[in-house]
C-alpha atoms as a PDB file:
ATOM      1  CA  MET A   1       0.000   0.000   0.000  1.00  0.00           C
ATOM      2  CA  ILE A   2       1.362   3.392  -1.034  1.00  0.00           C
ATOM      3  CA  LEU A   3       0.456   6.758   0.447  1.00  0.00           C
ATOM      4  CA  HIS A   4       0.248   9.241  -2.431  1.00  0.00           C
ATOM      5  CA  THR A   5       0.505  12.876  -1.366  1.00  0.00           C
ATOM      6  CA  VAL A   6      -0.423  15.614  -3.815  1.00  0.00           C
ATOM      7  CA  ASN A   7       0.415  19.203  -2.942  1.00  0.00           C
ATOM      8  CA  SER A   8      -0.322  21.186  -6.143  1.00  0.00           C
ATOM      9  CA  SER A   9      -3.590  22.717  -7.213  1.00  0.00           C
ATOM     10  CA  PRO A  10      -5.353  20.719  -9.928  1.00  0.00           C
ATOM     11  CA  LEU A  11      -6.089  24.069 -11.555  1.00  0.00           C
ATOM     12  CA  SER A  12      -2.394  24.809 -12.160  1.00  0.00           C
ATOM     13  CA  THR A  13      -0.601  21.463 -12.607  1.00  0.00           C
ATOM     14  CA  PHE A  14      -1.261  17.900 -13.749  1.00  0.00           C
ATOM     15  CA  SER A  15       0.019  16.317 -10.514  1.00  0.00           C
ATOM     16  CA  LEU A  16      -3.387  15.117  -9.324  1.00  0.00           C
ATOM     17  CA  HIS A  17      -4.313  13.918 -12.811  1.00  0.00           C
ATOM     18  CA  ASP A  18      -1.053  11.955 -13.124  1.00  0.00           C
ATOM     19  CA  CYS A  19      -1.357  10.537  -9.604  1.00  0.00           C
ATOM     20  CA  LEU A  20      -4.884   9.280 -10.192  1.00  0.00           C
ATOM     21  CA  LYS A  21      -3.715   7.457 -13.323  1.00  0.00           C
ATOM     22  CA  GLN A  22      -1.134   5.544 -11.266  1.00  0.00           C
ATOM     23  CA  ILE A  23      -2.973   4.892  -8.003  1.00  0.00           C
ATOM     24  CA  ALA A  24      -3.583   1.207  -7.262  1.00  0.00           C
ATOM     25  CA  ASP A  25      -6.704  -0.339  -5.740  1.00  0.00           C
ATOM     26  CA  ASN A  26      -5.270  -0.452  -2.221  1.00  0.00           C
ATOM     27  CA  ASP A  27      -3.360   2.857  -2.277  1.00  0.00           C
ATOM     28  CA  ILE A  28      -4.337   5.933  -0.290  1.00  0.00           C
ATOM     29  CA  LEU A  29      -4.457   9.545  -1.492  1.00  0.00           C
ATOM     30  CA  LEU A  30      -3.791  12.502   0.789  1.00  0.00           C
ATOM     31  CA  LEU A  31      -4.372  16.021  -0.485  1.00  0.00           C
ATOM     32  CA  ILE A  32      -2.186  18.679   1.135  1.00  0.00           C
ATOM     33  CA  SER A  33      -1.243  22.320   0.493  1.00  0.00           C
ATOM     34  CA  ASP A  34      -2.951  23.706  -2.632  1.00  0.00           C
ATOM     35  CA  ALA A  35      -4.179  20.249  -3.680  1.00  0.00           C
ATOM     36  CA  VAL A  36      -7.015  20.573  -1.132  1.00  0.00           C
ATOM     37  CA  ILE A  37      -8.684  22.842  -3.703  1.00  0.00           C
ATOM     38  CA  ALA A  38      -9.664  19.640  -5.533  1.00  0.00           C
ATOM     39  CA  THR A  39     -12.177  18.816  -2.798  1.00  0.00           C
ATOM     40  CA  SER A  40     -14.352  21.829  -3.497  1.00  0.00           C
ATOM     41  CA  ALA A  41     -13.595  22.848  -7.097  1.00  0.00           C
ATOM     42  CA  THR A  42     -15.265  21.543 -10.219  1.00  0.00           C
ATOM     43  CA  ILE A  43     -12.507  19.533 -11.861  1.00  0.00           C
ATOM     44  CA  GLU A  44     -12.215  16.746 -14.397  1.00  0.00           C
ATOM     45  CA  GLN A  45     -11.116  14.223 -11.742  1.00  0.00           C
ATOM     46  CA  LYS A  46     -14.144  14.761  -9.476  1.00  0.00           C
ATOM     47  CA  ALA A  47     -15.661  11.322 -10.235  1.00  0.00           C
ATOM     48  CA  THR A  48     -12.405   9.560  -9.404  1.00  0.00           C
ATOM     49  CA  LEU A  49     -12.079  11.502  -6.165  1.00  0.00           C
ATOM     50  CA  LEU A  50     -15.634  10.526  -5.266  1.00  0.00           C
ATOM     51  CA  LYS A  51     -14.800   6.835  -5.815  1.00  0.00           C
ATOM     52  CA  LEU A  52     -11.754   7.166  -3.556  1.00  0.00           C
ATOM     53  CA  HIS A  53     -13.922   8.923  -0.978  1.00  0.00           C
ATOM     54  CA  GLU A  54     -16.520   6.142  -1.084  1.00  0.00           C
ATOM     55  CA  SER A  55     -13.818   3.512  -0.587  1.00  0.00           C
ATOM     56  CA  LYS A  56     -12.407   5.546   2.347  1.00  0.00           C
ATOM     57  CA  ARG A  57      -9.047   6.042   0.609  1.00  0.00           C
ATOM     58  CA  LEU A  58      -9.153   9.844   0.197  1.00  0.00           C
ATOM     59  CA  PHE A  59      -7.839  12.083   2.959  1.00  0.00           C
ATOM     60  CA  VAL A  60      -7.532  15.863   3.218  1.00  0.00           C
ATOM     61  CA  LEU A  61      -5.318  17.801   5.621  1.00  0.00           C
ATOM     62  CA  GLN A  62      -7.505  19.996   7.826  1.00  0.00           C
ATOM     63  CA  ASP A  63      -4.979  22.788   8.407  1.00  0.00           C
ATOM     64  CA  ASP A  64      -4.541  23.301   4.656  1.00  0.00           C
ATOM     65  CA  LEU A  65      -8.304  23.479   4.116  1.00  0.00           C
ATOM     66  CA  GLU A  66      -8.662  26.034   6.891  1.00  0.00           C
ATOM     67  CA  ALA A  67      -5.708  28.093   5.621  1.00  0.00           C
ATOM     68  CA  ARG A  68      -7.510  28.457   2.285  1.00  0.00           C
ATOM     69  CA  GLY A  69     -10.971  29.008   3.751  1.00  0.00           C
ATOM     70  CA  LEU A  70     -12.340  25.878   2.069  1.00  0.00           C
ATOM     71  CA  VAL A  71     -14.823  23.187   3.026  1.00  0.00           C
ATOM     72  CA  ALA A  72     -14.198  19.739   1.583  1.00  0.00           C
ATOM     73  CA  ASN A  73     -17.042  18.038  -0.283  1.00  0.00           C
ATOM     74  CA  VAL A  74     -15.174  14.723  -0.421  1.00  0.00           C
ATOM     75  CA  GLY A  75     -12.503  12.989   1.639  1.00  0.00           C
ATOM     76  CA  GLN A  76     -11.881  12.325   5.275  1.00  0.00           C
ATOM     77  CA  ILE A  77     -10.548  15.415   7.039  1.00  0.00           C
ATOM     78  CA  ILE A  78      -7.449  14.626   9.117  1.00  0.00           C
ATOM     79  CA  ASP A  79      -4.963  16.459  11.316  1.00  0.00           C
ATOM     80  CA  TYR A  80      -1.174  16.106  11.472  1.00  0.00           C
ATOM     81  CA  PRO A  81      -1.143  13.186  13.949  1.00  0.00           C
ATOM     82  CA  ALA A  82      -3.468  11.265  11.596  1.00  0.00           C
ATOM     83  CA  PHE A  83      -1.115  12.144   8.717  1.00  0.00           C
ATOM     84  CA  VAL A  84       1.701  10.504  10.686  1.00  0.00           C
ATOM     85  CA  ASP A  85      -0.520   7.448  11.291  1.00  0.00           C
ATOM     86  CA  LEU A  86      -1.159   7.143   7.545  1.00  0.00           C
ATOM     87  CA  THR A  87       2.569   7.340   6.894  1.00  0.00           C
ATOM     88  CA  ILE A  88       3.183   4.524   9.374  1.00  0.00           C
ATOM     89  CA  GLN A  89       0.294   2.431   7.989  1.00  0.00           C
ATOM     90  CA  CYS A  90       1.599   2.546   4.402  1.00  0.00           C
ATOM     91  CA  LYS A  91       4.746   0.735   3.352  1.00  0.00           C
ATOM     92  CA  SER A  92       5.915   3.646   1.194  1.00  0.00           C
ATOM     93  CA  GLN A  93       5.022   7.181   0.210  1.00  0.00           C
ATOM     94  CA  LEU A  94       5.025   8.903  -3.154  1.00  0.00           C
ATOM     95  CA  ALA A  95       4.876  12.706  -3.328  1.00  0.00           C
ATOM     96  CA  TRP A  96       3.391  14.341  -6.412  1.00  0.00           C
END
């Protein structure tokens, strides 16, 4: 199981798009920094994010949402200790 972390806005880079093409069925996605915009914006990958949300494999860092004044429509909202737990739970991490 790989923890994929995306930190770029889907409105300015293809990082999220590329990540979602490579994510395996048991991998986890964590949106951090400007990538949290994907949880509330209308983007091409919305259906894929919804599937990850439904399978409880999409996470969003709470501090980054709050810093941008956003409310997530998908994903489980987590804090930094939960981020550390995800890192421990996964055998490796891939940053996008």
